[in-house]
Amino acid sequence: FASVYRSFEDIKEFGEEIARLQD
């Protein structure tokens, strides 16, 4: 479960990076 949560955190950070680039 911990690895899944870690992956979710990475995806969330990646999404924020994409949003910043699209701004």
C-alpha atoms as a PDB file:
ATOM      1  CA  PHE A   1       0.000   0.000   0.000  1.00  0.00           C
ATOM      2  CA  ALA A   2       2.864   2.351   0.806  1.00  0.00           C
ATOM      3  CA  SER A   3       4.252   2.059  -2.721  1.00  0.00           C
ATOM      4  CA  VAL A   4       0.843   2.887  -4.184  1.00  0.00           C
ATOM      5  CA  TYR A   5       0.569   5.958  -1.974  1.00  0.00           C
ATOM      6  CA  ARG A   6       4.060   7.017  -3.005  1.00  0.00           C
ATOM      7  CA  SER A   7       3.120   6.666  -6.662  1.00  0.00           C
ATOM      8  CA  PHE A   8       0.033   8.798  -6.072  1.00  0.00           C
ATOM      9  CA  GLU A   9       2.188  11.515  -4.504  1.00  0.00           C
ATOM     10  CA  ASP A  10       4.546  11.417  -7.495  1.00  0.00           C
ATOM     11  CA  ILE A  11       1.628  11.661  -9.923  1.00  0.00           C
ATOM     12  CA  LYS A  12       0.198  14.603  -7.992  1.00  0.00           C
ATOM     13  CA  GLU A  13       3.512  16.461  -8.116  1.00  0.00           C
ATOM     14  CA  PHE A  14       3.847  15.653 -11.823  1.00  0.00           C
ATOM     15  CA  GLY A  15       0.354  17.038 -12.450  1.00  0.00           C
ATOM     16  CA  GLU A  16       1.256  20.238 -10.640  1.00  0.00           C
ATOM     17  CA  GLU A  17       4.366  20.599 -12.803  1.00  0.00           C
ATOM     18  CA  ILE A  18       2.279  20.173 -15.965  1.00  0.00           C
ATOM     19  CA  ALA A  19      -0.247  22.738 -14.730  1.00  0.00           C
ATOM     20  CA  ARG A  20       2.602  25.171 -14.089  1.00  0.00           C
ATOM     21  CA  LEU A  21       3.959  24.688 -17.605  1.00  0.00           C
ATOM     22  CA  GLN A  22       0.526  25.181 -19.168  1.00  0.00           C
ATOM     23  CA  ASP A  23      -0.057  28.412 -17.255  1.00  0.00           C
END
